[in-house]
Structure formats: C-alpha cells, structure tokens
N, C-alpha and C. Protein backbone atom coordinates (compact mmCIF):
# COMPACT_ATOMS: atom_id res chain seq x y z
N MET A 1 19.35 11.27 -1.80
CA MET A 1 17.95 11.65 -1.82
C MET A 1 17.31 11.28 -0.48
N TYR A 2 16.62 12.24 0.11
CA TYR A 2 15.97 12.02 1.40
C TYR A 2 14.54 11.54 1.18
N ILE A 3 14.19 10.44 1.81
CA ILE A 3 12.83 9.91 1.71
C ILE A 3 12.17 10.08 3.07
N SER A 4 11.11 10.85 3.12
CA SER A 4 10.43 11.09 4.39
C SER A 4 9.47 9.95 4.72
N LEU A 5 9.12 9.87 5.99
CA LEU A 5 8.18 8.84 6.44
C LEU A 5 6.82 9.03 5.77
N HIS A 6 6.48 10.29 5.49
CA HIS A 6 5.20 10.59 4.84
C HIS A 6 5.13 9.95 3.46
N MET A 7 6.28 9.80 2.80
CA MET A 7 6.32 9.22 1.46
C MET A 7 6.43 7.70 1.52
N VAL A 8 7.07 7.18 2.57
CA VAL A 8 7.26 5.73 2.70
C VAL A 8 5.97 5.03 3.08
N GLN A 9 5.14 5.66 3.89
CA GLN A 9 3.92 5.03 4.39
C GLN A 9 2.99 4.54 3.27
N PRO A 10 2.63 5.38 2.27
CA PRO A 10 1.75 4.86 1.21
C PRO A 10 2.41 3.78 0.36
N ILE A 11 3.73 3.90 0.13
CA ILE A 11 4.43 2.87 -0.64
C ILE A 11 4.40 1.55 0.13
N LEU A 12 4.60 1.62 1.43
CA LEU A 12 4.55 0.44 2.28
C LEU A 12 3.14 -0.16 2.28
N ALA A 13 2.12 0.69 2.32
CA ALA A 13 0.74 0.21 2.30
C ALA A 13 0.44 -0.54 1.00
N ILE A 14 0.90 0.00 -0.13
CA ILE A 14 0.69 -0.67 -1.43
C ILE A 14 1.44 -2.00 -1.45
N ALA A 15 2.69 -1.99 -0.98
CA ALA A 15 3.50 -3.22 -0.99
C ALA A 15 2.86 -4.31 -0.13
N ILE A 16 2.41 -3.95 1.06
CA ILE A 16 1.78 -4.93 1.95
C ILE A 16 0.47 -5.44 1.34
N GLY A 17 -0.29 -4.53 0.73
CA GLY A 17 -1.53 -4.94 0.07
C GLY A 17 -1.28 -5.93 -1.05
N LEU A 18 -0.24 -5.67 -1.86
CA LEU A 18 0.10 -6.59 -2.95
C LEU A 18 0.57 -7.94 -2.40
N LEU A 19 1.36 -7.92 -1.34
CA LEU A 19 1.82 -9.17 -0.74
C LEU A 19 0.64 -9.99 -0.21
N ILE A 20 -0.34 -9.33 0.40
CA ILE A 20 -1.52 -10.03 0.91
C ILE A 20 -2.30 -10.65 -0.25
N LEU A 21 -2.42 -9.90 -1.37
CA LEU A 21 -3.15 -10.42 -2.53
C LEU A 21 -2.42 -11.62 -3.14
N LEU A 22 -1.09 -11.62 -3.08
CA LEU A 22 -0.30 -12.70 -3.69
C LEU A 22 -0.26 -13.96 -2.83
N GLN A 23 -0.63 -13.86 -1.57
CA GLN A 23 -0.64 -15.02 -0.67
C GLN A 23 -2.05 -15.62 -0.64
N PRO A 24 -2.26 -16.73 -1.32
CA PRO A 24 -3.62 -17.30 -1.36
C PRO A 24 -4.12 -17.77 0.01
N LYS A 25 -3.21 -18.13 0.90
CA LYS A 25 -3.64 -18.59 2.22
C LYS A 25 -4.09 -17.43 3.10
N MET A 26 -3.56 -16.25 2.83
CA MET A 26 -3.96 -15.06 3.59
C MET A 26 -4.99 -14.28 2.78
N ALA A 27 -6.18 -14.84 2.68
CA ALA A 27 -7.18 -14.27 1.78
C ALA A 27 -7.96 -13.14 2.45
N HIS A 28 -7.25 -12.10 2.82
CA HIS A 28 -7.90 -10.92 3.39
C HIS A 28 -7.98 -9.86 2.29
N TYR A 29 -8.80 -10.13 1.29
CA TYR A 29 -8.83 -9.27 0.11
C TYR A 29 -9.28 -7.86 0.42
N LEU A 30 -10.24 -7.71 1.31
CA LEU A 30 -10.72 -6.37 1.64
C LEU A 30 -9.62 -5.52 2.27
N VAL A 31 -8.84 -6.13 3.15
CA VAL A 31 -7.73 -5.41 3.77
C VAL A 31 -6.70 -5.04 2.72
N ALA A 32 -6.39 -5.98 1.83
CA ALA A 32 -5.40 -5.73 0.78
C ALA A 32 -5.85 -4.61 -0.14
N ILE A 33 -7.10 -4.65 -0.57
CA ILE A 33 -7.62 -3.62 -1.47
C ILE A 33 -7.64 -2.27 -0.77
N PHE A 34 -8.03 -2.26 0.50
CA PHE A 34 -8.03 -1.01 1.26
C PHE A 34 -6.63 -0.41 1.34
N LEU A 35 -5.63 -1.25 1.64
CA LEU A 35 -4.26 -0.76 1.75
C LEU A 35 -3.76 -0.20 0.42
N ILE A 36 -4.07 -0.90 -0.68
CA ILE A 36 -3.62 -0.43 -2.00
C ILE A 36 -4.29 0.89 -2.35
N VAL A 37 -5.60 0.98 -2.14
CA VAL A 37 -6.32 2.23 -2.45
C VAL A 37 -5.82 3.36 -1.56
N PHE A 38 -5.61 3.08 -0.27
CA PHE A 38 -5.08 4.09 0.65
C PHE A 38 -3.73 4.59 0.17
N GLY A 39 -2.86 3.67 -0.21
CA GLY A 39 -1.53 4.04 -0.69
C GLY A 39 -1.58 4.89 -1.94
N ILE A 40 -2.45 4.52 -2.88
CA ILE A 40 -2.57 5.29 -4.13
C ILE A 40 -3.11 6.68 -3.85
N LEU A 41 -4.12 6.77 -2.98
CA LEU A 41 -4.69 8.08 -2.67
C LEU A 41 -3.69 8.98 -1.94
N GLU A 42 -2.84 8.38 -1.11
CA GLU A 42 -1.83 9.16 -0.40
C GLU A 42 -0.71 9.60 -1.34
N LEU A 43 -0.39 8.77 -2.33
CA LEU A 43 0.69 9.10 -3.26
C LEU A 43 0.25 10.09 -4.33
N ALA A 44 -1.04 10.09 -4.67
CA ALA A 44 -1.54 10.91 -5.78
C ALA A 44 -1.13 12.39 -5.69
N PRO A 45 -1.25 13.05 -4.55
CA PRO A 45 -0.86 14.48 -4.51
C PRO A 45 0.64 14.70 -4.72
N MET A 46 1.46 13.68 -4.46
CA MET A 46 2.92 13.83 -4.59
C MET A 46 3.40 13.69 -6.02
N ILE A 47 2.59 13.06 -6.86
CA ILE A 47 3.02 12.78 -8.24
C ILE A 47 2.79 13.99 -9.13
C-alpha cells in the first residue's frame, strides 16, 4: 500500500498534537489543539 505525503502530514499533525497534550511540561495546549484540528480537517475529505 502506497502512503502519500499528503496523507501522512495530517496523521503526523494529530500525533504531534497528542504528544504535546500528553507532556505536562510542554504545556503548549493551543499549538496541540491547532495541530489536532488541522489534522482532522485535512483527513476528513479522505475518509
């Protein structure tokens, strides 16, 4: 199965956002929420 960069980018954004939320010392919640929302919005047309 071929995975294009266009598909990896939103998944990576969601993963990084979740990692930021899980790290209490890196409390950049706005950045994390933005990345998760961006990833979901980018993935939505593909589903």
